[in-house]
Protein backbone atom coordinates (compact mmCIF):
# COMPACT_ATOMS: atom_id res chain seq x y z
CA MET A 1 89.36 78.45 132.56
CA GLY A 2 92.12 76.61 130.68
CA GLU A 3 94.54 77.78 128.02
CA GLN A 4 93.55 80.92 126.19
CA ASN A 5 93.77 81.03 122.41
CA SER A 6 94.98 84.40 121.07
CA GLU A 7 91.79 84.62 118.99
CA GLU A 8 89.41 83.95 121.88
CA ILE A 9 88.28 86.01 124.80
CA ASP A 10 88.44 84.20 128.12
CA ILE A 11 84.80 83.86 129.22
CA ASP A 12 83.47 81.83 132.11
CA THR A 13 80.86 79.59 130.44
CA ASP A 14 79.44 78.40 133.75
CA PRO A 15 79.31 81.35 136.17
CA THR A 16 77.82 81.06 139.63
CA PRO A 17 74.65 83.06 140.30
CA GLU A 18 76.68 85.52 142.37
CA GLU A 19 79.22 86.05 139.57
CA GLU A 20 76.44 86.52 137.05
CA GLN A 21 74.62 89.00 139.29
CA ASP A 22 77.87 90.87 139.92
CA ALA A 23 78.51 91.11 136.16
CA PHE A 24 75.24 92.97 135.63
CA VAL A 25 75.11 95.04 138.81
CA ASN A 26 78.73 96.16 139.10
CA GLU A 27 79.28 99.10 136.70
CA SER A 28 82.95 98.35 136.03
CA HIS A 29 82.18 94.69 135.23
CA ARG A 30 79.36 95.71 132.89
CA THR A 31 81.57 98.27 131.14
CA HIS A 32 84.38 95.72 130.81
CA LYS A 33 81.98 93.12 129.35
CA ILE A 34 80.55 95.59 126.83
CA THR A 35 84.07 96.63 125.80
CA ASN A 36 85.09 92.99 125.33
CA ASP A 37 81.94 92.24 123.32
CA LEU A 38 82.61 95.21 121.03
CA ARG A 39 86.23 94.20 120.52
CA GLN A 40 85.24 90.63 119.71
CA GLN A 41 82.67 91.86 117.17
CA ASP A 42 85.28 94.20 115.67
CA MET A 43 87.79 91.35 115.28
CA GLU A 44 85.17 89.13 113.63
CA GLN A 45 84.22 91.87 111.17
CA ARG A 46 87.87 92.59 110.35
CA ARG A 47 88.43 88.90 109.62
CA GLU A 48 85.32 88.75 107.42
CA TYR A 49 86.27 91.85 105.41
CA ALA A 50 89.86 90.67 105.03
CA GLU A 51 88.65 87.32 103.66
CA ARG A 52 86.36 89.08 101.19
CA ALA A 53 89.14 91.41 100.07
CA TYR A 54 91.44 88.42 99.56
CA SER A 55 88.76 86.67 97.47
CA LEU A 56 88.36 89.77 95.35
CA THR A 57 92.12 89.92 94.83
CA GLN A 58 92.17 86.29 93.70
CA THR A 59 89.39 87.08 91.23
CA TRP A 60 91.39 90.08 89.98
CA VAL A 61 94.51 87.98 89.40
CA GLY A 62 92.40 85.36 87.61
CA PHE A 63 90.87 88.07 85.43
CA LEU A 64 94.31 89.41 84.51
CA ILE A 65 95.49 85.91 83.59
CA VAL A 66 92.40 85.23 81.46
CA VAL A 67 92.63 88.58 79.66
CA THR A 68 96.33 88.09 78.96
CA LEU A 69 95.89 84.52 77.69
CA THR A 70 92.91 85.57 75.56
CA GLN A 71 94.91 88.44 74.10
CA MET A 72 97.82 86.11 73.30
CA THR A 73 95.52 83.52 71.71
CA LEU A 74 93.64 86.08 69.61
CA THR A 75 96.93 87.64 68.48
CA ALA A 76 98.29 84.22 67.44
CA LEU A 77 95.08 83.46 65.52
CA GLU A 78 95.08 86.96 64.01
CA ILE A 79 91.43 87.57 64.77
CA GLY A 80 89.64 90.30 66.75
CA ARG A 81 91.82 91.38 69.62
CA LEU A 82 92.42 94.43 71.78
CA SER A 83 94.87 96.99 70.51
CA ALA A 84 97.96 97.55 72.65
CA SER A 85 96.49 100.73 74.17
CA GLU A 86 93.16 99.01 74.93
CA PHE A 87 94.93 96.07 76.53
CA ILE A 88 97.09 98.36 78.68
CA ALA A 89 94.00 100.36 79.66
CA VAL A 90 92.15 97.24 80.81
CA ILE A 91 95.09 95.97 82.86
CA THR A 92 95.88 99.41 84.32
CA THR A 93 92.34 100.39 85.28
CA THR A 94 91.61 97.00 86.79
CA THR A 95 94.84 97.09 88.80
CA ALA A 96 94.23 100.68 89.96
CA THR A 97 90.71 99.77 91.07
CA ILE A 98 91.90 96.78 93.09
CA LEU A 99 94.77 98.73 94.67
CA GLY A 100 92.35 101.52 95.59
CA PHE A 101 89.99 98.94 97.08
CA TRP A 102 92.84 97.47 99.12
CA ALA A 103 93.79 100.96 100.36
CA LEU A 104 90.22 101.58 101.54
CA VAL A 105 89.87 98.17 103.15
CA GLY A 106 93.28 98.45 104.80
CA ARG A 107 92.52 101.89 106.17
CA GLY A 108 89.19 100.67 107.51
CA LEU A 109 90.50 97.47 109.04
CA PHE A 110 93.80 98.67 110.44
CA ARG A 111 93.33 102.24 111.58
CA VAL A 112 96.52 103.80 112.83
């Protein structure tokens, strides 16, 4: 068993038959293994959800940029555009939705 990466659980990939038998017969070893497996699964799910939340945030920022540029272009061309209150409503509701999403994801991923 060499160096241990902070993201990896130290697992013997080539156990002896006695070690393997002990892992399934000994109650404390079995409990420890199940606990480690659950923690590893939890860490993988947290990473996956965090990546998805980050992707959604990037999409949100892109949307805000596109809406703002479109509004500026339509205003300069003096053709159909959102009124000031409609524009503010779009930006505000989108931002509130994303911040609420982040609050839910953060609470789920990093329980205190």
